Amino acid sequence: MDHGLAQYEARERLLWFFFLLACLLLALPAVWIHLSGVPRTPLIATSSEAIKSYAFWSQRHWMHVGPLGKVLAYLAWVAVLFLLARFLWVFAQFLGKRSLVGSLQEIMPSLTPRPAAKQMDSSTDLQKRPYAGIALLVNRLNHPLRFLLHSFRRAQYTLSSGPGIPFTDGLLDRQQRLSDMDRHLFRSSWTGFRWILRLLPVMAALQSSWSIYSETKLFLGKETELEQFAAAFWPAMLPVVQLTFLAVLLGLARAFLIRVEGLYLANLDASLYDQMLSELPIRSSDTVLILQSLQKHFRDLQVALKRLEIEMKKKT
């Protein structure tokens, strides 16, 4: 089991949890400031002409009504802040990837495959030596903003599979596993946002039903019941219409950001391979096994030649 990958996944999930928690906390003062500027009573009387205007459907007095009004306003602000923060986060990741590529272009040419072999060095010992400059590369990946910049964390964990430098085929396998893990983590990080978008229309319908019931129960059985019901129905539909429209709009924005994040991950995978992995000298784990087998074969051959030489001397 690769504990480094498990640690990477756990840390990424923790960071996404803090991201959602920050949005939940920031929404509290935001909704309080917003509600302080929302009137508590409707500004436009209900009429056949009024319900055709934008001003009627943009009223927000329902946020002060019933047990769910403030909750709906809070959830809406959480969703909006989450989306805005996610947009800024994605923009920062593109800048971070650009900075990472610049660092790799600066460092990778200075890496040497390995120091020159001494006469006493065996081929297997030589293969196990770390490349010169790898320590410098790992240190440069310790960016002060690496907890914000995903690309630096990704590159750091790609090279952190063990002491020195791992085999190239192991790096490629690790890179692919990290790529698949990132795509899964990015998708799962939208789970809380998706649930909020699903809850908004449902809770808005409950809020509208409660408003209609509370308004109509006062005049049930009267002659003006139908007119009063019509007057209460349209204002009560405000949360359903507004929050459904908001959920659709945020859902479209989410679909756009998911595709932008997919583009970022694809570019990051290509950059890490082109600028880092492809620049490393090829060191396959099979190479060591082959060299060890050849080394053993040559030792056996050397022993056999010495034995043959001794026997020939005895005969002469």
C-alpha atoms as a PDB file:
ATOM      1  CA  MET A   1       0.000   0.000   0.000  1.00  0.00           C
ATOM      2  CA  ASP A   2       1.281   3.466  -0.933  1.00  0.00           C
ATOM      3  CA  HIS A   3       0.871   5.466   2.265  1.00  0.00           C
ATOM      4  CA  GLY A   4       1.988   8.634   0.482  1.00  0.00           C
ATOM      5  CA  LEU A   5      -1.036   8.506  -1.828  1.00  0.00           C
ATOM      6  CA  ALA A   6      -3.360   7.798   1.100  1.00  0.00           C
ATOM      7  CA  GLN A   7      -1.894  10.783   2.929  1.00  0.00           C
ATOM      8  CA  TYR A   8      -2.329  12.952  -0.167  1.00  0.00           C
ATOM      9  CA  GLU A   9      -5.991  11.967  -0.498  1.00  0.00           C
ATOM     10  CA  ALA A  10      -6.676  12.573   3.207  1.00  0.00           C
ATOM     11  CA  ARG A  11      -5.076  16.022   3.109  1.00  0.00           C
ATOM     12  CA  GLU A  12      -6.930  17.028  -0.045  1.00  0.00           C
ATOM     13  CA  ARG A  13     -10.265  15.958   1.460  1.00  0.00           C
ATOM     14  CA  LEU A  14      -9.463  17.921   4.614  1.00  0.00           C
ATOM     15  CA  LEU A  15      -8.658  21.033   2.571  1.00  0.00           C
ATOM     16  CA  TRP A  16     -11.935  20.749   0.667  1.00  0.00           C
ATOM     17  CA  PHE A  17     -13.795  20.375   3.974  1.00  0.00           C
ATOM     18  CA  PHE A  18     -12.186  23.591   5.230  1.00  0.00           C
ATOM     19  CA  PHE A  19     -13.164  25.252   1.945  1.00  0.00           C
ATOM     20  CA  LEU A  20     -16.838  24.373   2.483  1.00  0.00           C
ATOM     21  CA  LEU A  21     -16.640  25.310   6.168  1.00  0.00           C
ATOM     22  CA  ALA A  22     -15.235  28.736   5.265  1.00  0.00           C
ATOM     23  CA  CYS A  23     -18.162  29.327   2.896  1.00  0.00           C
ATOM     24  CA  LEU A  24     -20.640  28.317   5.611  1.00  0.00           C
ATOM     25  CA  LEU A  25     -19.064  30.737   8.082  1.00  0.00           C
ATOM     26  CA  LEU A  26     -18.712  33.626   5.633  1.00  0.00           C
ATOM     27  CA  ALA A  27     -22.374  33.281   4.666  1.00  0.00           C
ATOM     28  CA  LEU A  28     -23.478  34.203   8.213  1.00  0.00           C
ATOM     29  CA  PRO A  29     -22.366  37.869   8.136  1.00  0.00           C
ATOM     30  CA  ALA A  30     -23.268  38.093   4.437  1.00  0.00           C
ATOM     31  CA  VAL A  31     -26.898  37.058   4.982  1.00  0.00           C
ATOM     32  CA  TRP A  32     -27.176  39.289   8.056  1.00  0.00           C
ATOM     33  CA  ILE A  33     -26.028  42.331   6.046  1.00  0.00           C
ATOM     34  CA  HIS A  34     -28.286  41.351   3.161  1.00  0.00           C
ATOM     35  CA  LEU A  35     -31.407  40.928   5.307  1.00  0.00           C
ATOM     36  CA  SER A  36     -30.847  44.275   6.982  1.00  0.00           C
ATOM     37  CA  GLY A  37     -31.507  45.932   3.629  1.00  0.00           C
ATOM     38  CA  VAL A  38     -34.532  43.829   2.650  1.00  0.00           C
ATOM     39  CA  PRO A  39     -37.957  45.360   3.450  1.00  0.00           C
ATOM     40  CA  ARG A  40     -40.243  43.277   5.658  1.00  0.00           C
ATOM     41  CA  THR A  41     -43.428  44.107   3.733  1.00  0.00           C
ATOM     42  CA  PRO A  42     -44.219  43.897   0.003  1.00  0.00           C
ATOM     43  CA  LEU A  43     -43.586  47.107  -1.893  1.00  0.00           C
ATOM     44  CA  ILE A  44     -45.917  46.300  -4.802  1.00  0.00           C
ATOM     45  CA  ALA A  45     -49.569  45.376  -4.363  1.00  0.00           C
ATOM     46  CA  THR A  46     -50.735  42.197  -6.071  1.00  0.00           C
ATOM     47  CA  SER A  47     -52.679  42.831  -9.267  1.00  0.00           C
ATOM     48  CA  SER A  48     -53.004  41.394 -12.751  1.00  0.00           C
ATOM     49  CA  GLU A  49     -50.711  44.099 -14.090  1.00  0.00           C
ATOM     50  CA  ALA A  50     -48.209  43.882 -11.238  1.00  0.00           C
ATOM     51  CA  ILE A  51     -47.527  40.159 -11.656  1.00  0.00           C
ATOM     52  CA  LYS A  52     -46.350  40.847 -15.210  1.00  0.00           C
ATOM     53  CA  SER A  53     -43.583  43.171 -14.048  1.00  0.00           C
ATOM     54  CA  TYR A  54     -40.021  42.375 -13.028  1.00  0.00           C
ATOM     55  CA  ALA A  55     -40.317  44.581  -9.934  1.00  0.00           C
ATOM     56  CA  PHE A  56     -43.014  42.305  -8.494  1.00  0.00           C
ATOM     57  CA  TRP A  57     -40.990  39.102  -8.938  1.00  0.00           C
ATOM     58  CA  SER A  58     -37.810  40.691  -7.571  1.00  0.00           C
ATOM     59  CA  GLN A  59     -39.353  41.395  -4.155  1.00  0.00           C
ATOM     60  CA  ARG A  60     -37.598  39.652  -1.274  1.00  0.00           C
ATOM     61  CA  HIS A  61     -39.789  40.384   1.723  1.00  0.00           C
ATOM     62  CA  TRP A  62     -40.536  36.654   1.983  1.00  0.00           C
ATOM     63  CA  MET A  63     -37.081  36.184   3.574  1.00  0.00           C
ATOM     64  CA  HIS A  64     -38.521  37.651   6.790  1.00  0.00           C
ATOM     65  CA  VAL A  65     -41.619  35.418   6.662  1.00  0.00           C
ATOM     66  CA  GLY A  66     -42.062  31.992   8.214  1.00  0.00           C
ATOM     67  CA  PRO A  67     -39.594  29.564   9.727  1.00  0.00           C
ATOM     68  CA  LEU A  68     -37.700  28.911   6.473  1.00  0.00           C
ATOM     69  CA  GLY A  69     -37.255  32.417   5.073  1.00  0.00           C
ATOM     70  CA  LYS A  70     -33.932  33.187   6.737  1.00  0.00           C
ATOM     71  CA  VAL A  71     -32.719  29.604   6.253  1.00  0.00           C
ATOM     72  CA  LEU A  72     -33.347  29.845   2.513  1.00  0.00           C
ATOM     73  CA  ALA A  73     -31.535  33.175   2.345  1.00  0.00           C
ATOM     74  CA  TYR A  74     -28.584  31.651   4.223  1.00  0.00           C
ATOM     75  CA  LEU A  75     -28.360  28.590   1.949  1.00  0.00           C
ATOM     76  CA  ALA A  76     -28.563  30.796  -1.127  1.00  0.00           C
ATOM     77  CA  TRP A  77     -25.658  32.878   0.146  1.00  0.00           C
ATOM     78  CA  VAL A  78     -23.642  29.735   0.921  1.00  0.00           C
ATOM     79  CA  ALA A  79     -24.126  28.541  -2.665  1.00  0.00           C
ATOM     80  CA  VAL A  80     -23.214  31.925  -4.149  1.00  0.00           C
ATOM     81  CA  LEU A  81     -20.104  32.313  -1.984  1.00  0.00           C
ATOM     82  CA  PHE A  82     -19.042  28.733  -2.730  1.00  0.00           C
ATOM     83  CA  LEU A  83     -19.276  29.369  -6.458  1.00  0.00           C
ATOM     84  CA  LEU A  84     -17.448  32.704  -6.288  1.00  0.00           C
ATOM     85  CA  ALA A  85     -14.696  31.236  -4.105  1.00  0.00           C
ATOM     86  CA  ARG A  86     -14.402  28.256  -6.436  1.00  0.00           C
ATOM     87  CA  PHE A  87     -14.009  30.557  -9.429  1.00  0.00           C
ATOM     88  CA  LEU A  88     -11.230  32.499  -7.688  1.00  0.00           C
ATOM     89  CA  TRP A  89      -9.635  29.215  -6.621  1.00  0.00           C
ATOM     90  CA  VAL A  90      -9.575  27.873 -10.187  1.00  0.00           C
ATOM     91  CA  PHE A  91      -8.071  31.141 -11.420  1.00  0.00           C
ATOM     92  CA  ALA A  92      -5.364  30.849  -8.740  1.00  0.00           C
ATOM     93  CA  GLN A  93      -4.623  27.259  -9.835  1.00  0.00           C
ATOM     94  CA  PHE A  94      -3.920  28.338 -13.404  1.00  0.00           C
ATOM     95  CA  LEU A  95      -1.509  30.964 -12.065  1.00  0.00           C
ATOM     96  CA  GLY A  96       0.071  28.346  -9.791  1.00  0.00           C
ATOM     97  CA  LYS A  97       0.508  25.919 -12.680  1.00  0.00           C
ATOM     98  CA  ARG A  98       2.202  28.629 -14.705  1.00  0.00           C
ATOM     99  CA  SER A  99       4.558  29.335 -11.792  1.00  0.00           C
ATOM    100  CA  LEU A 100       5.292  25.607 -11.432  1.00  0.00           C
ATOM    101  CA  VAL A 101       6.114  25.256 -15.123  1.00  0.00           C
ATOM    102  CA  GLY A 102       8.483  28.219 -14.854  1.00  0.00           C
ATOM    103  CA  SER A 103      10.238  26.635 -11.867  1.00  0.00           C
ATOM    104  CA  LEU A 104      10.580  23.293 -13.651  1.00  0.00           C
ATOM    105  CA  GLN A 105      11.951  24.926 -16.801  1.00  0.00           C
ATOM    106  CA  GLU A 106      14.553  26.637 -14.641  1.00  0.00           C
ATOM    107  CA  ILE A 107      15.591  23.607 -12.580  1.00  0.00           C
ATOM    108  CA  MET A 108      15.295  20.574 -14.884  1.00  0.00           C
ATOM    109  CA  PRO A 109      18.117  21.558 -17.292  1.00  0.00           C
ATOM    110  CA  SER A 110      20.510  21.708 -14.330  1.00  0.00           C
ATOM    111  CA  LEU A 111      19.815  18.095 -13.343  1.00  0.00           C
ATOM    112  CA  THR A 112      22.502  15.564 -14.278  1.00  0.00           C
ATOM    113  CA  PRO A 113      21.656  11.908 -14.752  1.00  0.00           C
ATOM    114  CA  ARG A 114      24.228  10.773 -12.200  1.00  0.00           C
ATOM    115  CA  PRO A 115      27.890  11.356 -11.341  1.00  0.00           C
ATOM    116  CA  ALA A 116      30.564   9.672 -13.411  1.00  0.00           C
ATOM    117  CA  ALA A 117      31.164   6.082 -12.473  1.00  0.00           C
ATOM    118  CA  LYS A 118      34.275   5.151 -10.579  1.00  0.00           C
ATOM    119  CA  GLN A 119      36.097   2.003 -11.408  1.00  0.00           C
ATOM    120  CA  MET A 120      34.968   0.277  -8.228  1.00  0.00           C
ATOM    121  CA  ASP A 121      31.299   1.163  -8.643  1.00  0.00           C
ATOM    122  CA  SER A 122      29.041  -1.701  -9.563  1.00  0.00           C
ATOM    123  CA  SER A 123      26.312  -1.115 -12.115  1.00  0.00           C
ATOM    124  CA  THR A 124      23.519  -1.796  -9.622  1.00  0.00           C
ATOM    125  CA  ASP A 125      24.976   0.605  -7.045  1.00  0.00           C
ATOM    126  CA  LEU A 126      25.220   3.250  -9.728  1.00  0.00           C
ATOM    127  CA  GLN A 127      21.579   2.797 -10.672  1.00  0.00           C
ATOM    128  CA  LYS A 128      20.477   3.285  -7.082  1.00  0.00           C
ATOM    129  CA  ARG A 129      22.135   6.670  -6.662  1.00  0.00           C
ATOM    130  CA  PRO A 130      19.868   9.735  -6.536  1.00  0.00           C
ATOM    131  CA  TYR A 131      20.217  12.211  -9.368  1.00  0.00           C
ATOM    132  CA  ALA A 132      22.091  15.422  -8.640  1.00  0.00           C
ATOM    133  CA  GLY A 133      19.696  18.328  -8.207  1.00  0.00           C
ATOM    134  CA  ILE A 134      16.646  16.336  -7.102  1.00  0.00           C
ATOM    135  CA  ALA A 135      16.952  17.724  -3.578  1.00  0.00           C
ATOM    136  CA  LEU A 136      16.918  21.226  -5.055  1.00  0.00           C
ATOM    137  CA  LEU A 137      13.800  20.409  -7.065  1.00  0.00           C
ATOM    138  CA  VAL A 138      11.952  19.063  -4.029  1.00  0.00           C
ATOM    139  CA  ASN A 139      12.924  22.144  -2.018  1.00  0.00           C
ATOM    140  CA  ARG A 140      11.643  24.442  -4.744  1.00  0.00           C
ATOM    141  CA  LEU A 141       8.318  22.600  -4.644  1.00  0.00           C
ATOM    142  CA  ASN A 142       7.934  23.631  -0.985  1.00  0.00           C
ATOM    143  CA  HIS A 143       6.192  26.785  -2.121  1.00  0.00           C
ATOM    144  CA  PRO A 144       4.967  29.028   0.741  1.00  0.00           C
ATOM    145  CA  LEU A 145       1.494  28.980  -0.846  1.00  0.00           C
ATOM    146  CA  ARG A 146       1.469  25.251  -1.614  1.00  0.00           C
ATOM    147  CA  PHE A 147      -1.604  24.758   0.620  1.00  0.00           C
ATOM    148  CA  LEU A 148      -3.452  27.043  -1.791  1.00  0.00           C
ATOM    149  CA  LEU A 149      -1.722  26.018  -5.032  1.00  0.00           C
ATOM    150  CA  HIS A 150      -2.714  22.468  -5.905  1.00  0.00           C
ATOM    151  CA  SER A 151      -0.116  22.072  -8.680  1.00  0.00           C
ATOM    152  CA  PHE A 152       2.819  22.347  -6.252  1.00  0.00           C
ATOM    153  CA  ARG A 153       1.278  19.773  -3.898  1.00  0.00           C
ATOM    154  CA  ARG A 154       0.718  17.440  -6.825  1.00  0.00           C
ATOM    155  CA  ALA A 155       4.309  17.737  -8.069  1.00  0.00           C
ATOM    156  CA  GLN A 156       5.652  17.344  -4.530  1.00  0.00           C
ATOM    157  CA  TYR A 157       3.740  14.125  -3.912  1.00  0.00           C
ATOM    158  CA  THR A 158       4.762  12.804  -7.318  1.00  0.00           C
ATOM    159  CA  LEU A 159       8.412  12.869  -6.215  1.00  0.00           C
ATOM    160  CA  SER A 160       7.888  11.890  -2.573  1.00  0.00           C
ATOM    161  CA  SER A 161       7.543   8.132  -2.961  1.00  0.00           C
ATOM    162  CA  GLY A 162      10.796   7.364  -1.193  1.00  0.00           C
ATOM    163  CA  PRO A 163      14.339   8.505  -0.462  1.00  0.00           C
ATOM    164  CA  GLY A 164      16.331   9.815  -3.372  1.00  0.00           C
ATOM    165  CA  ILE A 165      14.631   9.468  -6.727  1.00  0.00           C
ATOM    166  CA  PRO A 166      12.306   6.585  -7.561  1.00  0.00           C
ATOM    167  CA  PHE A 167      12.331   4.601 -10.759  1.00  0.00           C
ATOM    168  CA  THR A 168      10.906   6.311 -13.812  1.00  0.00           C
ATOM    169  CA  ASP A 169       8.239   3.673 -14.394  1.00  0.00           C
ATOM    170  CA  GLY A 170       7.188   4.043 -10.749  1.00  0.00           C
ATOM    171  CA  LEU A 171       6.931   7.804 -11.225  1.00  0.00           C
ATOM    172  CA  LEU A 172       4.703   7.379 -14.264  1.00  0.00           C
ATOM    173  CA  ASP A 173       2.450   4.969 -12.394  1.00  0.00           C
ATOM    174  CA  ARG A 174       2.298   7.309  -9.410  1.00  0.00           C
ATOM    175  CA  GLN A 175       1.529  10.257 -11.677  1.00  0.00           C
ATOM    176  CA  GLN A 176      -1.389   8.374 -13.261  1.00  0.00           C
ATOM    177  CA  ARG A 177      -2.798   7.359  -9.883  1.00  0.00           C
ATOM    178  CA  LEU A 178      -2.545  10.928  -8.602  1.00  0.00           C
ATOM    179  CA  SER A 179      -4.271  12.176 -11.757  1.00  0.00           C
ATOM    180  CA  ASP A 180      -7.185   9.764 -11.300  1.00  0.00           C
ATOM    181  CA  MET A 181      -7.371  10.630  -7.605  1.00  0.00           C
ATOM    182  CA  ASP A 182      -7.477  14.369  -8.325  1.00  0.00           C
ATOM    183  CA  ARG A 183     -10.330  13.978 -10.797  1.00  0.00           C
ATOM    184  CA  HIS A 184     -12.306  11.987  -8.236  1.00  0.00           C
ATOM    185  CA  LEU A 185     -11.560  14.502  -5.455  1.00  0.00           C
ATOM    186  CA  PHE A 186     -12.536  17.463  -7.615  1.00  0.00           C
ATOM    187  CA  ARG A 187     -15.866  15.829  -8.488  1.00  0.00           C
ATOM    188  CA  SER A 188     -16.633  14.844  -4.905  1.00  0.00           C
ATOM    189  CA  SER A 189     -15.799  18.355  -3.649  1.00  0.00           C
ATOM    190  CA  TRP A 190     -18.997  19.577  -5.345  1.00  0.00           C
ATOM    191  CA  THR A 191     -21.218  17.248  -3.278  1.00  0.00           C
ATOM    192  CA  GLY A 192     -22.197  19.838  -0.661  1.00  0.00           C
ATOM    193  CA  PHE A 193     -22.946  22.418  -3.356  1.00  0.00           C
ATOM    194  CA  ARG A 194     -25.128  19.945  -5.275  1.00  0.00           C
ATOM    195  CA  TRP A 195     -27.148  19.168  -2.150  1.00  0.00           C
ATOM    196  CA  ILE A 196     -27.740  22.869  -1.534  1.00  0.00           C
ATOM    197  CA  LEU A 197     -28.999  23.312  -5.101  1.00  0.00           C
ATOM    198  CA  ARG A 198     -31.380  20.386  -4.607  1.00  0.00           C
ATOM    199  CA  LEU A 199     -32.632  21.663  -1.265  1.00  0.00           C
ATOM    200  CA  LEU A 200     -33.321  25.228  -2.389  1.00  0.00           C
ATOM    201  CA  PRO A 201     -36.354  24.504  -4.662  1.00  0.00           C
ATOM    202  CA  VAL A 202     -37.771  21.918  -2.235  1.00  0.00           C
ATOM    203  CA  MET A 203     -37.518  24.190   0.797  1.00  0.00           C
ATOM    204  CA  ALA A 204     -38.808  27.115  -1.275  1.00  0.00           C
ATOM    205  CA  ALA A 205     -41.909  25.060  -2.125  1.00  0.00           C
ATOM    206  CA  LEU A 206     -42.426  24.359   1.582  1.00  0.00           C
ATOM    207  CA  GLN A 207     -42.036  28.062   2.345  1.00  0.00           C
ATOM    208  CA  SER A 208     -44.600  28.949  -0.340  1.00  0.00           C
ATOM    209  CA  SER A 209     -47.046  26.326   0.929  1.00  0.00           C
ATOM    210  CA  TRP A 210     -46.717  27.645   4.465  1.00  0.00           C
ATOM    211  CA  SER A 211     -47.267  31.233   3.275  1.00  0.00           C
ATOM    212  CA  ILE A 212     -50.378  30.292   1.280  1.00  0.00           C
ATOM    213  CA  TYR A 213     -51.830  28.359   4.199  1.00  0.00           C
ATOM    214  CA  SER A 214     -51.130  31.112   6.740  1.00  0.00           C
ATOM    215  CA  GLU A 215     -52.751  33.741   4.499  1.00  0.00           C
ATOM    216  CA  THR A 216     -55.824  31.775   3.383  1.00  0.00           C
ATOM    217  CA  LYS A 217     -56.845  30.214   6.706  1.00  0.00           C
ATOM    218  CA  LEU A 218     -57.994  33.666   7.908  1.00  0.00           C
ATOM    219  CA  PHE A 219     -60.720  34.013   5.306  1.00  0.00           C
ATOM    220  CA  LEU A 220     -61.789  30.428   4.570  1.00  0.00           C
ATOM    221  CA  GLY A 221     -65.562  30.202   4.074  1.00  0.00           C
ATOM    222  CA  LYS A 222     -65.991  33.843   3.109  1.00  0.00           C
ATOM    223  CA  GLU A 223     -67.428  35.023  -0.194  1.00  0.00           C
ATOM    224  CA  THR A 224     -64.171  36.667  -1.177  1.00  0.00           C
ATOM    225  CA  GLU A 225     -62.209  33.441  -0.683  1.00  0.00           C
ATOM    226  CA  LEU A 226     -61.183  33.059  -4.348  1.00  0.00           C
ATOM    227  CA  GLU A 227     -60.047  36.660  -4.708  1.00  0.00           C
ATOM    228  CA  GLN A 228     -58.157  36.527  -1.429  1.00  0.00           C
ATOM    229  CA  PHE A 229     -56.522  33.256  -2.434  1.00  0.00           C
ATOM    230  CA  ALA A 230     -55.334  34.756  -5.720  1.00  0.00           C
ATOM    231  CA  ALA A 231     -53.951  37.772  -3.857  1.00  0.00           C
ATOM    232  CA  ALA A 232     -52.057  35.488  -1.456  1.00  0.00           C
ATOM    233  CA  PHE A 233     -50.930  32.927  -4.043  1.00  0.00           C
ATOM    234  CA  TRP A 234     -48.704  35.079  -6.255  1.00  0.00           C
ATOM    235  CA  PRO A 235     -46.625  36.685  -3.469  1.00  0.00           C
ATOM    236  CA  ALA A 236     -46.233  33.239  -1.905  1.00  0.00           C
ATOM    237  CA  MET A 237     -44.727  31.938  -5.161  1.00  0.00           C
ATOM    238  CA  LEU A 238     -41.844  34.410  -4.981  1.00  0.00           C
ATOM    239  CA  PRO A 239     -39.411  32.075  -3.137  1.00  0.00           C
ATOM    240  CA  VAL A 240     -40.150  29.187  -5.530  1.00  0.00           C
ATOM    241  CA  VAL A 241     -39.611  31.283  -8.647  1.00  0.00           C
ATOM    242  CA  GLN A 242     -36.568  33.147  -7.378  1.00  0.00           C
ATOM    243  CA  LEU A 243     -34.739  30.204  -5.829  1.00  0.00           C
ATOM    244  CA  THR A 244     -35.519  27.840  -8.703  1.00  0.00           C
ATOM    245  CA  PHE A 245     -34.099  30.400 -11.119  1.00  0.00           C
ATOM    246  CA  LEU A 246     -31.070  30.845  -8.846  1.00  0.00           C
ATOM    247  CA  ALA A 247     -30.538  27.069  -8.630  1.00  0.00           C
ATOM    248  CA  VAL A 248     -30.650  26.728 -12.423  1.00  0.00           C
ATOM    249  CA  LEU A 249     -28.246  29.641 -12.877  1.00  0.00           C
ATOM    250  CA  LEU A 250     -25.808  28.290 -10.285  1.00  0.00           C
ATOM    251  CA  GLY A 251     -26.098  24.814 -11.800  1.00  0.00           C
ATOM    252  CA  LEU A 252     -25.048  26.158 -15.202  1.00  0.00           C
ATOM    253  CA  ALA A 253     -22.144  28.013 -13.595  1.00  0.00           C
ATOM    254  CA  ARG A 254     -21.141  24.811 -11.794  1.00  0.00           C
ATOM    255  CA  ALA A 255     -21.167  22.860 -15.081  1.00  0.00           C
ATOM    256  CA  PHE A 256     -18.915  25.504 -16.623  1.00  0.00           C
ATOM    257  CA  LEU A 257     -16.467  25.447 -13.697  1.00  0.00           C
ATOM    258  CA  ILE A 258     -16.316  21.639 -13.721  1.00  0.00           C
ATOM    259  CA  ARG A 259     -15.176  21.751 -17.336  1.00  0.00           C
ATOM    260  CA  VAL A 260     -12.653  24.483 -16.569  1.00  0.00           C
ATOM    261  CA  GLU A 261     -11.286  22.348 -13.714  1.00  0.00           C
ATOM    262  CA  GLY A 262     -11.048  19.398 -16.106  1.00  0.00           C
ATOM    263  CA  LEU A 263      -9.043  21.589 -18.478  1.00  0.00           C
ATOM    264  CA  TYR A 264      -6.771  22.613 -15.604  1.00  0.00           C
ATOM    265  CA  LEU A 265      -6.122  18.995 -14.600  1.00  0.00           C
ATOM    266  CA  ALA A 266      -5.436  17.974 -18.202  1.00  0.00           C
ATOM    267  CA  ASN A 267      -2.969  20.847 -18.611  1.00  0.00           C
ATOM    268  CA  LEU A 268      -1.340  19.990 -15.276  1.00  0.00           C
ATOM    269  CA  ASP A 269      -0.890  16.335 -16.276  1.00  0.00           C
ATOM    270  CA  ALA A 270       0.675  17.374 -19.573  1.00  0.00           C
ATOM    271  CA  SER A 271       2.944  19.945 -17.917  1.00  0.00           C
ATOM    272  CA  LEU A 272       4.205  17.547 -15.247  1.00  0.00           C
ATOM    273  CA  TYR A 273       5.010  14.939 -17.883  1.00  0.00           C
ATOM    274  CA  ASP A 274       6.561  17.291 -20.442  1.00  0.00           C
ATOM    275  CA  GLN A 275       8.503  19.493 -18.020  1.00  0.00           C
ATOM    276  CA  MET A 276       9.471  16.984 -15.311  1.00  0.00           C
ATOM    277  CA  LEU A 277       8.931  13.274 -15.955  1.00  0.00           C
ATOM    278  CA  SER A 278      10.072  13.233 -19.579  1.00  0.00           C
ATOM    279  CA  GLU A 279      13.250  15.137 -18.631  1.00  0.00           C
ATOM    280  CA  LEU A 280      14.381  12.525 -16.106  1.00  0.00           C
ATOM    281  CA  PRO A 281      16.761   9.832 -17.401  1.00  0.00           C
ATOM    282  CA  ILE A 282      15.020   6.516 -17.920  1.00  0.00           C
ATOM    283  CA  ARG A 283      15.474   4.258 -14.914  1.00  0.00           C
ATOM    284  CA  SER A 284      13.207   1.259 -15.045  1.00  0.00           C
ATOM    285  CA  SER A 285      12.939  -1.077 -12.077  1.00  0.00           C
ATOM    286  CA  ASP A 286      13.488  -3.932 -14.542  1.00  0.00           C
ATOM    287  CA  THR A 287      16.914  -2.484 -15.355  1.00  0.00           C
ATOM    288  CA  VAL A 288      18.228  -3.298 -11.887  1.00  0.00           C
ATOM    289  CA  LEU A 289      16.952  -6.874 -12.120  1.00  0.00           C
ATOM    290  CA  ILE A 290      18.575  -7.312 -15.519  1.00  0.00           C
ATOM    291  CA  LEU A 291      21.862  -5.839 -14.300  1.00  0.00           C
ATOM    292  CA  GLN A 292      21.831  -8.036 -11.216  1.00  0.00           C
ATOM    293  CA  SER A 293      21.227 -11.117 -13.360  1.00  0.00           C
ATOM    294  CA  LEU A 294      24.024 -10.156 -15.753  1.00  0.00           C
ATOM    295  CA  GLN A 295      26.327  -9.435 -12.825  1.00  0.00           C
ATOM    296  CA  LYS A 296      25.658 -12.872 -11.340  1.00  0.00           C
ATOM    297  CA  HIS A 297      26.152 -14.476 -14.746  1.00  0.00           C
ATOM    298  CA  PHE A 298      29.525 -12.762 -15.243  1.00  0.00           C
ATOM    299  CA  ARG A 299      30.659 -13.789 -11.749  1.00  0.00           C
ATOM    300  CA  ASP A 300      29.770 -17.413 -12.490  1.00  0.00           C
ATOM    301  CA  LEU A 301      31.528 -17.148 -15.834  1.00  0.00           C
ATOM    302  CA  GLN A 302      34.603 -15.640 -14.163  1.00  0.00           C
ATOM    303  CA  VAL A 303      34.692 -18.455 -11.596  1.00  0.00           C
ATOM    304  CA  ALA A 304      34.369 -21.050 -14.355  1.00  0.00           C
ATOM    305  CA  LEU A 305      37.191 -19.462 -16.349  1.00  0.00           C
ATOM    306  CA  LYS A 306      39.467 -19.423 -13.297  1.00  0.00           C
ATOM    307  CA  ARG A 307      38.670 -23.079 -12.602  1.00  0.00           C
ATOM    308  CA  LEU A 308      39.397 -23.955 -16.215  1.00  0.00           C
ATOM    309  CA  GLU A 309      42.668 -22.014 -16.083  1.00  0.00           C
ATOM    310  CA  ILE A 310      43.757 -23.885 -12.930  1.00  0.00           C
ATOM    311  CA  GLU A 311      42.948 -27.273 -14.475  1.00  0.00           C
ATOM    312  CA  MET A 312      44.918 -26.422 -17.618  1.00  0.00           C
ATOM    313  CA  LYS A 313      47.934 -25.425 -15.504  1.00  0.00           C
ATOM    314  CA  LYS A 314      47.766 -28.730 -13.638  1.00  0.00           C
ATOM    315  CA  LYS A 315      47.757 -30.673 -16.886  1.00  0.00           C
ATOM    316  CA  THR A 316      50.773 -28.844 -18.168  1.00  0.00           C
END
